[in-house]
Amino acid sequence: MSEEESRPLDCLRCPSFCCKIAGYVEVSEYDIKRLAKFLGLTKREFEEKHIVERTRRGKKHIKSELAACQFLDSRRRCSVYPARPTDCRGYYCWEAKDPAVYRAASFLQVPIRVQQKEDSKA
């Protein structure tokens, strides 16, 4: 993406595309402990209830590739935000290699006239 195409967006104005279509969310042992504590669960209880996939290499996921995140609430907000996994803490759609999420979010946030102006420059 060009510099102009990858300007930061307002995450609170997005319908949570990153939590719905951006792929897997892998959790480390530290993430699991932090999330379990936040939810008032033991590590084992958390894993039994919230790990949706385990890879052949032993990695654990709380979100499958094509599913919405289980921690996304009805207001499209992260219900475990203070304890969110490292994958989520470091994800910004405007920095992602695949621009699909950014372009979808941008389409909803950037006025049509601005998009048309930018498209005419291309």
Protein backbone atom coordinates (compact mmCIF):
# COMPACT_ATOMS: atom_id res chain seq x y z
CA MET A 1 0.00 0.00 0.00
CA SER A 2 1.14 3.53 -0.62
CA GLU A 3 1.75 5.92 2.27
CA GLU A 4 -1.48 7.75 1.42
CA GLU A 5 -3.43 4.47 1.35
CA SER A 6 -2.15 3.37 4.75
CA ARG A 7 -2.99 6.35 6.95
CA PRO A 8 -4.34 5.39 10.39
CA LEU A 9 -8.09 5.01 10.81
CA ASP A 10 -10.36 5.46 13.81
CA CYS A 11 -10.84 1.92 15.14
CA LEU A 12 -13.95 2.98 17.06
CA ARG A 13 -15.65 3.91 13.77
CA CYS A 14 -14.99 0.51 12.22
CA PRO A 15 -17.37 -2.46 12.36
CA SER A 16 -14.51 -4.55 13.78
CA PHE A 17 -13.29 -6.06 10.53
CA CYS A 18 -10.02 -7.11 12.16
CA CYS A 19 -11.96 -9.19 14.70
CA LYS A 20 -14.16 -10.74 12.04
CA ILE A 21 -12.06 -11.42 8.94
CA ALA A 22 -8.39 -10.89 9.67
CA GLY A 23 -7.41 -14.51 10.31
CA TYR A 24 -6.25 -16.44 13.33
CA VAL A 25 -5.51 -15.06 16.78
CA GLU A 26 -2.71 -17.05 18.35
CA VAL A 27 -2.24 -16.93 22.11
CA SER A 28 0.96 -17.48 24.04
CA GLU A 29 1.10 -19.05 27.49
CA TYR A 30 1.42 -15.54 28.91
CA ASP A 31 -1.66 -14.41 26.96
CA ILE A 32 -3.62 -17.39 28.28
CA LYS A 33 -2.65 -16.63 31.88
CA ARG A 34 -3.55 -12.94 31.48
CA LEU A 35 -6.91 -13.71 29.84
CA ALA A 36 -7.75 -16.42 32.38
CA LYS A 37 -7.04 -14.06 35.27
CA PHE A 38 -9.12 -11.31 33.67
CA LEU A 39 -12.06 -13.70 33.20
CA GLY A 40 -11.72 -15.24 36.66
CA LEU A 41 -10.82 -18.67 35.29
CA THR A 42 -7.98 -21.08 35.84
CA LYS A 43 -5.60 -21.57 32.93
CA ARG A 44 -7.10 -25.01 32.34
CA GLU A 45 -10.69 -23.70 32.43
CA PHE A 46 -9.76 -20.96 29.98
CA GLU A 47 -8.17 -23.42 27.57
CA GLU A 48 -11.12 -25.82 27.74
CA LYS A 49 -13.62 -23.04 27.13
CA HIS A 50 -11.83 -20.65 24.75
CA ILE A 51 -9.11 -22.39 22.71
CA VAL A 52 -10.75 -23.12 19.36
CA GLU A 53 -7.77 -24.67 17.53
CA ARG A 54 -4.44 -26.28 18.27
CA THR A 55 -1.91 -26.53 15.48
CA ARG A 56 0.35 -29.51 14.82
CA ARG A 57 3.16 -27.44 16.29
CA GLY A 58 1.23 -26.88 19.51
CA LYS A 59 0.18 -23.29 18.89
CA LYS A 60 -3.18 -22.29 20.33
CA HIS A 61 -5.82 -20.06 18.74
CA ILE A 62 -8.77 -18.25 20.27
CA LYS A 63 -10.05 -17.22 16.82
CA SER A 64 -10.28 -19.33 13.68
CA GLU A 65 -9.37 -17.90 10.32
CA LEU A 66 -12.92 -17.38 9.04
CA ALA A 67 -14.79 -16.83 12.32
CA ALA A 68 -15.49 -13.70 14.32
CA CYS A 69 -13.59 -13.43 17.57
CA GLN A 70 -15.48 -14.97 20.46
CA PHE A 71 -14.63 -11.94 22.61
CA LEU A 72 -16.29 -9.41 20.33
CA ASP A 73 -19.35 -8.09 22.15
CA SER A 74 -22.70 -6.90 20.77
CA ARG A 75 -21.37 -3.31 20.54
CA ARG A 76 -18.49 -4.51 18.29
CA ARG A 77 -16.00 -3.94 21.10
CA CYS A 78 -13.45 -6.27 22.63
CA SER A 79 -14.87 -7.64 25.87
CA VAL A 80 -11.36 -8.56 27.10
CA TYR A 81 -9.59 -5.41 25.86
CA PRO A 82 -7.42 -4.82 28.97
CA ALA A 83 -6.20 -8.43 28.74
CA ARG A 84 -6.27 -8.86 24.95
CA PRO A 85 -3.66 -11.15 23.37
CA THR A 86 -0.34 -9.94 22.01
CA ASP A 87 -1.54 -10.60 18.43
CA CYS A 88 -4.36 -8.10 18.96
CA ARG A 89 -2.22 -5.54 20.78
CA GLY A 90 0.11 -5.30 17.81
CA TYR A 91 -2.39 -5.40 14.94
CA TYR A 92 -3.27 -2.26 12.99
CA CYS A 93 -4.98 -2.78 9.65
CA TRP A 94 -3.02 0.10 8.10
CA GLU A 95 0.23 -1.77 8.80
CA ALA A 96 -0.91 -5.22 7.64
CA LYS A 97 0.70 -6.84 4.59
CA ASP A 98 -2.71 -7.74 3.17
CA PRO A 99 -4.61 -4.47 2.58
CA ALA A 100 -8.11 -6.04 2.44
CA VAL A 101 -9.17 -5.17 6.00
CA TYR A 102 -7.78 -1.64 5.72
CA ARG A 103 -9.52 -1.01 2.41
CA ALA A 104 -12.87 -2.25 3.75
CA ALA A 105 -12.58 -0.14 6.91
CA SER A 106 -11.36 2.87 4.95
CA PHE A 107 -14.32 2.60 2.58
CA LEU A 108 -16.67 3.01 5.54
CA GLN A 109 -14.75 5.86 7.16
CA VAL A 110 -13.45 8.01 4.33
CA PRO A 111 -16.09 10.15 2.58
CA ILE A 112 -16.88 9.13 -1.00
CA ARG A 113 -15.66 12.47 -2.42
CA VAL A 114 -12.24 11.95 -0.80
CA GLN A 115 -12.05 8.38 -2.10
CA GLN A 116 -12.97 9.53 -5.61
CA LYS A 117 -10.29 12.23 -5.48
CA GLU A 118 -7.68 9.69 -4.36
CA ASP A 119 -8.80 7.19 -7.03
CA SER A 120 -8.48 9.82 -9.76
CA LYS A 121 -4.82 10.34 -8.80
CA ALA A 122 -4.02 6.66 -9.34
